N, C-alpha and C. Protein backbone atom coordinates (compact mmCIF):
# COMPACT_ATOMS: atom_id res chain seq x y z
N MET A 1 -120.30 8.34 133.88
CA MET A 1 -121.57 8.25 133.32
C MET A 1 -121.46 7.73 131.75
N ALA A 2 -122.20 7.58 131.23
CA ALA A 2 -122.12 6.70 129.76
C ALA A 2 -123.91 7.05 129.46
N VAL A 3 -123.65 7.07 128.24
CA VAL A 3 -125.35 6.45 127.58
C VAL A 3 -125.11 6.48 126.19
N VAL A 4 -126.06 5.31 125.54
CA VAL A 4 -125.89 4.25 124.73
C VAL A 4 -127.13 4.90 124.10
N TYR A 5 -126.91 5.43 122.65
CA TYR A 5 -128.41 5.09 121.63
C TYR A 5 -127.66 5.17 120.55
N LYS A 6 -128.53 5.47 119.57
CA LYS A 6 -128.17 5.16 117.63
C LYS A 6 -128.66 6.40 117.23
N ASN A 7 -128.08 6.89 116.44
CA ASN A 7 -128.62 8.69 115.56
C ASN A 7 -129.61 7.87 114.82
N THR A 8 -130.36 8.63 114.63
CA THR A 8 -131.58 8.72 113.50
C THR A 8 -131.35 9.88 112.27
N PHE A 9 -131.86 9.91 111.28
CA PHE A 9 -132.22 10.97 110.22
C PHE A 9 -132.23 11.96 110.94
N GLY A 10 -133.23 12.22 111.96
CA GLY A 10 -133.93 13.07 112.65
C GLY A 10 -132.87 14.00 113.30
N ASP A 11 -131.86 13.23 114.27
CA ASP A 11 -130.92 13.33 114.81
C ASP A 11 -130.20 14.32 114.00
N LEU A 12 -129.51 13.82 112.88
CA LEU A 12 -128.48 14.15 112.26
C LEU A 12 -129.18 15.68 111.98
N LEU A 13 -130.28 15.51 111.12
CA LEU A 13 -130.57 16.78 110.85
C LEU A 13 -131.47 18.05 111.77
N SER A 14 -131.14 17.80 112.91
CA SER A 14 -131.11 18.11 114.38
C SER A 14 -130.35 19.50 114.38
N PHE A 15 -129.48 18.72 114.16
CA PHE A 15 -127.84 19.17 114.49
C PHE A 15 -127.47 20.61 113.58
N HIS A 16 -128.01 19.82 112.00
CA HIS A 16 -127.79 20.90 110.83
C HIS A 16 -128.31 21.86 110.85
N PHE A 17 -129.90 21.77 111.05
CA PHE A 17 -130.92 23.27 111.36
C PHE A 17 -130.41 23.64 112.24
N TYR A 18 -129.85 22.99 113.66
CA TYR A 18 -129.89 23.83 114.88
C TYR A 18 -128.48 25.04 114.62
N HIS A 19 -127.22 24.19 113.70
CA HIS A 19 -126.30 25.04 113.76
C HIS A 19 -126.57 26.04 112.45
N TYR A 20 -127.25 25.57 111.39
CA TYR A 20 -126.52 26.25 110.13
C TYR A 20 -127.45 27.78 110.34
N PHE A 21 -128.37 27.69 111.08
CA PHE A 21 -129.61 29.28 111.03
C PHE A 21 -128.41 29.76 112.06
N ARG A 22 -127.53 29.29 113.07
CA ARG A 22 -126.85 30.63 113.73
C ARG A 22 -125.38 30.83 113.20
N SER A 23 -125.52 30.43 112.26
CA SER A 23 -124.02 30.51 111.44
C SER A 23 -124.26 32.23 111.10
N PRO A 24 -123.55 32.51 111.23
CA PRO A 24 -123.36 34.33 110.90
C PRO A 24 -123.28 34.25 109.18
N SER A 25 -122.14 33.27 108.70
CA SER A 25 -121.68 33.64 107.33
C SER A 25 -123.45 33.24 106.31
N LEU A 26 -124.31 32.61 107.09
CA LEU A 26 -125.30 32.10 105.97
C LEU A 26 -126.42 33.45 105.77
N TYR A 27 -126.35 34.60 107.02
CA TYR A 27 -126.98 36.17 107.24
C TYR A 27 -126.46 36.59 106.26
N LEU A 28 -124.96 36.78 106.31
CA LEU A 28 -124.06 37.50 105.87
C LEU A 28 -124.30 37.30 104.43
N ILE A 29 -124.68 35.92 103.65
CA ILE A 29 -124.40 35.83 101.98
C ILE A 29 -125.99 36.34 101.87
N SER A 30 -126.64 35.64 102.72
CA SER A 30 -127.85 35.62 102.21
C SER A 30 -128.36 37.49 102.18
N GLY A 31 -127.68 38.23 103.21
CA GLY A 31 -128.12 39.70 103.00
C GLY A 31 -127.28 40.04 102.14
N ALA A 32 -126.67 40.04 101.85
CA ALA A 32 -125.50 40.17 100.19
C ALA A 32 -126.31 40.23 99.07
N PHE A 33 -127.02 38.64 99.20
CA PHE A 33 -127.47 38.27 98.05
C PHE A 33 -129.38 39.02 97.57
N VAL A 34 -129.81 39.27 98.42
CA VAL A 34 -130.88 39.99 98.58
C VAL A 34 -130.76 41.79 98.05
N LEU A 35 -130.09 41.63 99.07
CA LEU A 35 -129.69 43.56 98.81
C LEU A 35 -128.87 43.59 97.37
N LEU A 36 -127.60 42.88 96.87
CA LEU A 36 -127.80 42.93 95.46
C LEU A 36 -128.72 42.74 94.14
N MET A 37 -129.31 41.63 94.94
CA MET A 37 -131.09 41.81 93.54
C MET A 37 -131.88 42.61 94.06
N ALA A 38 -131.96 43.43 95.11
CA ALA A 38 -132.87 44.39 95.13
C ALA A 38 -132.30 45.55 94.32
N VAL A 39 -131.31 46.00 94.59
CA VAL A 39 -130.50 47.07 93.23
C VAL A 39 -130.78 47.09 92.55
N THR A 40 -130.66 45.46 91.94
CA THR A 40 -130.53 45.62 90.19
C THR A 40 -132.25 45.66 89.80
N ASP A 41 -133.01 45.05 90.51
CA ASP A 41 -134.15 44.99 90.77
C ASP A 41 -134.83 46.30 90.61
N VAL A 42 -134.97 47.11 91.60
CA VAL A 42 -134.96 48.54 91.34
C VAL A 42 -135.53 48.95 90.03
N HIS A 43 -133.99 49.48 89.54
CA HIS A 43 -133.82 50.09 88.40
C HIS A 43 -134.59 49.16 87.22
N GLN A 44 -135.04 47.80 87.06
CA GLN A 44 -135.80 47.42 86.11
C GLN A 44 -137.10 47.73 86.37
N ILE A 45 -137.66 47.43 87.75
CA ILE A 45 -138.83 47.52 88.13
C ILE A 45 -139.64 48.91 87.89
N MET A 46 -138.35 49.90 88.60
CA MET A 46 -138.88 51.29 88.14
C MET A 46 -138.93 51.93 87.27
N SER A 47 -138.67 51.72 86.34
CA SER A 47 -138.27 51.84 84.43
C SER A 47 -139.59 51.33 83.94
N LEU A 48 -140.41 50.27 84.36
CA LEU A 48 -141.84 49.85 84.01
C LEU A 48 -142.66 50.92 83.98
N PRO A 49 -143.55 50.74 83.19
CA PRO A 49 -144.74 51.84 82.86
C PRO A 49 -145.92 51.42 84.19
N GLY A 50 -146.52 52.71 84.65
CA GLY A 50 -147.53 52.54 85.13
C GLY A 50 -147.61 53.44 86.63
N PRO A 51 -148.09 53.85 87.51
CA PRO A 51 -148.20 54.76 88.72
C PRO A 51 -146.97 54.23 89.08
N HIS A 52 -146.41 55.19 90.34
CA HIS A 52 -145.14 54.84 90.70
C HIS A 52 -145.21 53.71 92.14
N LEU A 53 -146.40 53.90 92.60
CA LEU A 53 -147.22 53.32 93.97
C LEU A 53 -147.00 51.65 93.52
N GLN A 54 -147.89 51.62 92.09
CA GLN A 54 -147.78 50.39 92.03
C GLN A 54 -146.30 49.47 91.45
N ARG A 55 -145.54 50.21 91.09
CA ARG A 55 -144.14 49.65 90.99
C ARG A 55 -143.71 49.60 92.07
N ILE A 56 -143.53 50.76 92.91
CA ILE A 56 -143.62 50.00 94.43
C ILE A 56 -144.02 48.74 95.39
N ALA A 57 -144.93 48.74 94.78
CA ALA A 57 -145.60 47.49 95.66
C ALA A 57 -145.39 46.48 94.42
N VAL A 58 -145.15 46.13 92.98
CA VAL A 58 -144.78 45.05 92.21
C VAL A 58 -143.38 44.84 93.24
N LEU A 59 -142.35 45.76 93.12
CA LEU A 59 -141.13 45.77 93.84
C LEU A 59 -141.16 44.81 95.21
N VAL A 60 -141.97 45.60 96.19
CA VAL A 60 -142.07 44.83 97.34
C VAL A 60 -142.14 43.33 97.48
N VAL A 61 -143.57 42.86 96.58
CA VAL A 61 -143.53 41.55 96.41
C VAL A 61 -142.41 40.55 96.12
N TYR A 62 -141.92 41.26 94.83
CA TYR A 62 -140.95 40.53 94.01
C TYR A 62 -139.73 40.44 95.30
N GLU A 63 -139.12 41.09 96.07
CA GLU A 63 -138.34 40.99 96.78
C GLU A 63 -138.71 40.11 98.39
N LEU A 64 -139.73 39.74 98.43
CA LEU A 64 -140.31 38.82 99.19
C LEU A 64 -140.48 37.48 99.12
N LEU A 65 -140.80 37.45 97.45
CA LEU A 65 -140.84 36.26 97.15
C LEU A 65 -139.13 36.02 96.94
N LEU A 66 -138.42 36.45 96.31
CA LEU A 66 -136.96 36.20 96.75
C LEU A 66 -136.86 35.68 97.46
N VAL A 67 -136.76 36.29 98.89
CA VAL A 67 -136.19 36.16 100.49
C VAL A 67 -136.90 34.98 100.71
N VAL A 68 -138.19 34.05 100.60
CA VAL A 68 -139.29 33.18 100.66
C VAL A 68 -138.34 31.90 99.64
N ALA A 69 -137.90 32.12 98.84
CA ALA A 69 -137.22 31.44 97.79
C ALA A 69 -135.74 31.13 98.33
N LEU A 70 -135.06 32.17 98.82
CA LEU A 70 -134.01 31.79 99.35
C LEU A 70 -134.13 31.12 100.65
N ALA A 71 -134.93 31.34 101.60
CA ALA A 71 -135.28 30.46 102.78
C ALA A 71 -135.14 28.81 102.69
N ILE A 72 -136.20 28.89 101.68
CA ILE A 72 -136.51 27.75 101.34
C ILE A 72 -135.17 26.74 100.51
N PHE A 73 -134.33 27.56 100.18
CA PHE A 73 -133.21 26.99 99.42
C PHE A 73 -132.36 26.81 100.40
N TRP A 74 -132.42 27.53 101.45
CA TRP A 74 -131.29 27.16 102.71
C TRP A 74 -131.17 26.30 103.58
N MET A 75 -133.01 26.31 103.53
CA MET A 75 -133.56 25.03 103.81
C MET A 75 -132.93 23.29 103.24
N VAL A 76 -133.14 23.50 101.96
CA VAL A 76 -132.98 22.41 101.22
C VAL A 76 -131.76 21.77 101.19
N VAL A 77 -130.63 22.49 101.42
CA VAL A 77 -129.48 22.10 101.30
C VAL A 77 -129.02 21.59 102.41
N PRO A 78 -128.87 21.82 103.43
CA PRO A 78 -128.72 20.84 104.83
C PRO A 78 -129.48 19.18 104.42
N LEU A 79 -130.75 19.12 104.48
CA LEU A 79 -131.47 18.61 103.97
C LEU A 79 -131.00 17.18 103.24
N LEU A 80 -130.89 17.86 102.12
CA LEU A 80 -129.79 17.26 101.02
C LEU A 80 -128.52 16.46 101.47
N ALA A 81 -128.00 17.47 102.26
CA ALA A 81 -126.68 17.01 102.73
C ALA A 81 -126.87 15.60 103.47
N VAL A 82 -127.75 15.96 104.32
CA VAL A 82 -128.19 14.80 105.29
C VAL A 82 -128.56 13.67 105.11
N ALA A 83 -129.42 14.19 103.88
CA ALA A 83 -130.10 12.57 103.16
C ALA A 83 -128.75 11.99 102.09
N MET A 84 -128.46 12.34 101.54
CA MET A 84 -127.02 11.73 101.05
C MET A 84 -126.20 11.20 101.58
N ALA A 85 -125.85 11.95 102.69
CA ALA A 85 -124.86 10.78 104.09
C ALA A 85 -125.78 9.60 104.63
N TRP A 86 -127.05 9.85 104.64
CA TRP A 86 -127.61 9.15 104.96
C TRP A 86 -128.10 7.58 104.51
N ILE A 87 -127.95 7.90 103.03
CA ILE A 87 -128.66 6.91 102.24
C ILE A 87 -126.93 6.07 101.75
N SER A 88 -125.85 6.66 101.88
CA SER A 88 -125.04 6.23 101.49
C SER A 88 -124.52 4.33 102.65
N LYS A 89 -124.24 3.48 102.07
CA LYS A 89 -123.88 2.40 102.73
C LYS A 89 -122.33 2.64 103.06
N LYS A 90 -121.84 3.63 103.31
CA LYS A 90 -120.32 4.14 103.28
C LYS A 90 -120.08 5.01 104.82
N ASN A 91 -121.46 5.25 105.37
CA ASN A 91 -122.08 5.99 105.94
C ASN A 91 -122.46 5.40 107.52
N GLN A 92 -122.52 4.31 107.12
CA GLN A 92 -122.76 3.67 108.94
C GLN A 92 -122.00 3.79 110.19
N ILE A 93 -121.19 4.21 110.09
CA ILE A 93 -120.72 4.85 111.36
C ILE A 93 -122.00 6.10 111.97
N LEU A 94 -122.25 6.83 110.90
CA LEU A 94 -123.37 7.66 111.18
C LEU A 94 -124.76 7.16 112.17
N VAL A 95 -125.06 5.91 111.96
CA VAL A 95 -126.08 5.18 112.24
C VAL A 95 -125.85 4.21 113.74
N ALA A 96 -124.47 3.90 113.45
CA ALA A 96 -124.19 2.68 114.63
C ALA A 96 -124.38 3.37 115.41
N GLU A 97 -125.36 1.99 116.47
CA GLU A 97 -125.37 2.08 118.01
C GLU A 97 -123.72 2.47 118.72
N ARG A 98 -124.35 3.62 119.44
CA ARG A 98 -122.56 4.27 119.70
C ARG A 98 -122.65 4.94 121.74
N THR A 99 -121.80 4.43 122.25
CA THR A 99 -121.47 5.09 123.77
C THR A 99 -121.16 6.34 123.87
N VAL A 100 -121.35 6.82 124.56
CA VAL A 100 -120.53 8.19 124.96
C VAL A 100 -120.34 8.39 126.34
N GLN A 101 -119.72 7.86 126.68
CA GLN A 101 -118.80 8.18 128.10
C GLN A 101 -117.84 9.30 128.29
N LEU A 102 -118.52 9.89 129.82
CA LEU A 102 -117.58 10.98 130.05
C LEU A 102 -116.82 10.64 131.22
N ARG A 103 -115.81 10.88 131.18
CA ARG A 103 -114.80 10.52 132.32
C ARG A 103 -113.97 11.85 132.26
N ASP A 104 -113.11 11.87 133.61
CA ASP A 104 -112.59 13.25 134.54
C ASP A 104 -111.90 13.98 133.47
N ASP A 105 -111.26 13.05 132.52
CA ASP A 105 -110.29 14.20 131.54
C ASP A 105 -111.29 14.16 130.04
N SER A 106 -111.98 13.29 129.60
CA SER A 106 -112.38 13.52 128.47
C SER A 106 -113.87 12.92 128.48
N ILE A 107 -114.40 12.74 126.92
CA ILE A 107 -114.90 12.12 126.45
C ILE A 107 -115.18 10.95 125.33
N VAL A 108 -115.24 10.02 125.65
CA VAL A 108 -115.10 8.58 125.10
C VAL A 108 -116.11 8.29 123.97
N VAL A 109 -115.87 8.55 123.14
CA VAL A 109 -117.27 7.90 121.97
C VAL A 109 -116.84 6.60 121.10
N GLU A 110 -117.69 5.75 121.51
CA GLU A 110 -117.19 4.32 120.90
C GLU A 110 -118.51 3.59 120.14
N SER A 111 -118.32 3.18 118.68
CA SER A 111 -119.21 2.14 118.36
C SER A 111 -118.71 1.14 117.29
N VAL A 112 -119.05 0.23 117.06
CA VAL A 112 -118.30 -1.16 116.56
C VAL A 112 -117.22 -0.68 115.33
N TYR A 113 -117.37 0.07 114.99
CA TYR A 113 -116.73 1.00 113.95
C TYR A 113 -115.16 1.64 114.57
N TYR A 114 -115.52 2.53 115.87
CA TYR A 114 -114.51 3.37 115.61
C TYR A 114 -114.58 3.73 117.70
N LYS A 115 -113.53 4.57 118.10
CA LYS A 115 -113.60 4.88 119.32
C LYS A 115 -112.48 6.09 119.43
N THR A 116 -113.28 7.01 119.81
CA THR A 116 -113.09 8.55 119.76
C THR A 116 -112.48 8.83 121.12
N GLU A 117 -111.16 9.56 121.59
CA GLU A 117 -111.28 10.09 123.15
C GLU A 117 -111.00 11.52 122.57
N ILE A 118 -111.48 12.59 123.03
CA ILE A 118 -111.66 14.01 122.95
C ILE A 118 -111.38 14.33 124.30
N LYS A 119 -110.13 15.29 124.64
CA LYS A 119 -110.25 15.70 126.15
C LYS A 119 -111.12 17.15 126.39
N TRP A 120 -111.70 17.07 127.58
CA TRP A 120 -112.54 18.10 127.76
C TRP A 120 -111.91 19.99 127.04
N LYS A 121 -110.90 19.79 127.36
CA LYS A 121 -110.13 21.21 126.65
C LYS A 121 -110.20 21.59 125.13
N ALA A 122 -110.56 20.79 124.33
CA ALA A 122 -111.06 20.28 123.35
C ALA A 122 -111.92 21.14 122.61
N LEU A 123 -113.13 20.79 123.92
CA LEU A 123 -114.80 20.98 123.65
C LEU A 123 -114.81 22.31 123.11
N GLN A 124 -115.63 22.86 122.04
CA GLN A 124 -115.19 24.10 121.72
C GLN A 124 -116.89 24.40 122.21
N LYS A 125 -118.19 23.64 122.69
CA LYS A 125 -119.15 24.27 122.26
C LYS A 125 -120.06 23.61 123.11
N LEU A 126 -121.09 23.62 124.18
CA LEU A 126 -122.12 22.90 124.73
C LEU A 126 -123.33 23.95 124.28
N ALA A 127 -124.31 22.98 124.18
CA ALA A 127 -125.48 23.19 123.38
C ALA A 127 -126.22 22.50 123.97
N ARG A 128 -127.53 23.08 124.36
CA ARG A 128 -128.58 22.20 124.87
C ARG A 128 -130.32 22.79 123.86
N THR A 129 -131.06 21.36 123.34
CA THR A 129 -132.57 21.94 123.31
C THR A 129 -133.48 21.37 123.94
N GLN A 130 -134.63 21.56 123.76
CA GLN A 130 -135.11 20.48 124.67
C GLN A 130 -135.27 19.16 124.38
N ALA A 131 -134.96 18.89 123.16
CA ALA A 131 -134.41 17.23 122.24
C ALA A 131 -132.89 16.87 122.38
N TYR A 132 -131.99 17.76 122.33
CA TYR A 132 -130.79 17.50 121.95
C TYR A 132 -129.93 17.85 123.25
N ILE A 133 -128.78 17.06 123.02
CA ILE A 133 -127.80 17.72 123.95
C ILE A 133 -126.55 18.00 122.91
N TYR A 134 -125.88 19.30 122.14
CA TYR A 134 -124.97 19.18 120.93
C TYR A 134 -123.07 19.38 121.77
N LEU A 135 -122.16 18.51 121.99
CA LEU A 135 -121.20 18.64 122.33
C LEU A 135 -119.94 19.24 121.08
N TYR A 136 -120.16 20.40 120.74
CA TYR A 136 -119.25 20.83 119.79
C TYR A 136 -117.98 19.88 119.90
N THR A 137 -116.91 19.97 118.52
CA THR A 137 -116.01 19.04 118.89
C THR A 137 -114.89 20.11 117.62
N ALA A 138 -115.49 20.77 116.93
CA ALA A 138 -115.45 21.78 115.49
C ALA A 138 -116.09 22.85 115.59
N LYS A 139 -115.86 23.83 114.69
CA LYS A 139 -116.86 24.46 114.52
C LYS A 139 -118.28 24.54 113.98
N SER A 140 -118.09 23.08 113.37
CA SER A 140 -119.59 22.71 112.60
C SER A 140 -119.50 21.29 112.26
N ASN A 141 -119.33 20.91 113.44
CA ASN A 141 -118.92 19.41 114.02
C ASN A 141 -119.65 19.29 115.70
N ALA A 142 -120.26 18.19 115.85
CA ALA A 142 -120.88 17.93 117.17
C ALA A 142 -121.26 16.59 117.40
N ILE A 143 -121.13 16.02 118.53
CA ILE A 143 -121.29 15.15 119.01
C ILE A 143 -123.04 15.39 119.20
N VAL A 144 -124.07 14.19 118.77
CA VAL A 144 -124.98 14.67 118.74
C VAL A 144 -125.63 13.64 119.27
N ILE A 145 -126.56 13.92 121.03
CA ILE A 145 -126.65 12.90 121.74
C ILE A 145 -128.44 13.28 122.05
N PRO A 146 -129.54 12.28 121.88
CA PRO A 146 -130.77 13.10 121.91
C PRO A 146 -131.30 12.70 123.07
N ARG A 147 -132.22 13.10 123.70
CA ARG A 147 -133.11 13.01 124.88
C ARG A 147 -133.51 11.70 124.96
N ARG A 148 -133.82 10.99 124.51
CA ARG A 148 -134.33 9.51 124.11
C ARG A 148 -133.66 8.83 125.07
N ALA A 149 -132.24 8.77 124.83
CA ALA A 149 -131.27 7.95 125.32
C ALA A 149 -131.29 8.09 127.21
N PHE A 150 -131.75 8.97 127.46
CA PHE A 150 -131.76 8.75 128.36
C PHE A 150 -133.35 8.45 129.33
N GLN A 151 -133.04 7.60 130.59
CA GLN A 151 -134.10 7.16 131.51
C GLN A 151 -135.19 8.46 131.46
N ASN A 152 -134.68 9.19 131.99
CA ASN A 152 -135.73 10.39 132.66
C ASN A 152 -134.86 11.40 132.29
N VAL A 153 -135.61 12.67 133.24
CA VAL A 153 -135.18 14.02 133.01
C VAL A 153 -134.10 14.50 133.92
N GLN A 154 -134.02 13.15 135.02
CA GLN A 154 -133.05 13.66 135.97
C GLN A 154 -132.03 13.11 135.11
N ALA A 155 -131.63 11.96 134.58
CA ALA A 155 -130.64 11.67 134.02
C ALA A 155 -130.24 12.63 133.25
N TRP A 156 -130.85 13.06 131.55
CA TRP A 156 -130.68 14.33 131.16
C TRP A 156 -129.86 15.10 131.38
N ASP A 157 -130.42 15.79 132.94
CA ASP A 157 -130.09 16.47 133.00
C ASP A 157 -128.59 16.96 133.91
N GLU A 158 -128.42 15.68 134.29
CA GLU A 158 -127.58 15.13 135.04
C GLU A 158 -125.89 15.14 134.30
N PHE A 159 -126.13 14.72 132.86
CA PHE A 159 -125.41 14.36 131.96
C PHE A 159 -124.77 15.87 131.55
N PHE A 160 -125.83 16.49 131.26
CA PHE A 160 -125.37 17.89 130.87
C PHE A 160 -124.85 18.79 132.08
N GLU A 161 -125.40 18.77 133.36
CA GLU A 161 -124.58 19.18 134.06
C GLU A 161 -123.06 18.72 134.39
N SER A 162 -122.99 17.56 134.01
CA SER A 162 -121.55 16.92 134.47
C SER A 162 -120.63 17.64 133.17
N CYS A 163 -120.94 17.23 131.45
CA CYS A 163 -120.20 18.19 130.82
C CYS A 163 -120.13 19.46 130.74
N GLU A 164 -121.24 20.42 131.74
CA GLU A 164 -120.79 21.48 131.84
C GLU A 164 -119.37 21.67 133.02
N LYS A 165 -119.49 20.85 134.04
CA LYS A 165 -118.60 21.07 135.15
C LYS A 165 -117.18 20.91 134.13
N TYR A 166 -117.10 19.23 133.54
CA TYR A 166 -115.86 18.88 132.91
C TYR A 166 -115.07 19.67 131.89
N ALA A 167 -116.25 20.61 131.21
CA ALA A 167 -115.58 21.63 130.26
C ALA A 167 -115.19 22.64 130.62
N GLY A 168 -115.87 22.83 132.16
CA GLY A 168 -114.78 24.38 132.77
C GLY A 168 -116.59 25.27 132.15
N HIS A 169 -117.78 24.98 131.80
CA HIS A 169 -118.51 25.92 131.34
C HIS A 169 -119.54 25.61 132.34
N GLY A 170 -119.23 25.39 133.53
CA GLY A 170 -120.53 25.40 134.32
C GLY A 170 -120.68 26.75 134.79
N HIS A 171 -121.48 27.34 135.40
CA HIS A 171 -122.04 28.44 136.27
C HIS A 171 -121.59 28.47 137.48
């Protein structure tokens, strides 16, 4: 079973957002940062003149703005990383047409620039959204296969079910 497609900027970005926001590290770092800021801000804001309730309201609004700013920052980082890779002429392998072939013992990914064979036992994770199949070959790296590469929903489902079967992730 094989599929042929060409990745787009959106395909690469989709993986980064899919993976990025499921990373425990993101939440640990963000939580620690917000907590640290809250602790230091409590002292400063509570020492301001004015009614106690008003100072608490200022603190809550400030912390909410901090969380929003942090969320925007975390969204911009992967966007910039993918954009920088996308615009570089040296990264044509990211956007070249590729063929992903499922074999009994491996996945073969091939383009005009490379041919890679990945044994099924090396596959770390399978994931599927409404628009993509992600075949994780490392903790933060995956083969990104867009739904548009398939002729119909049945072919899409059969491809993913074959991946589950070969990788031993079947139900």
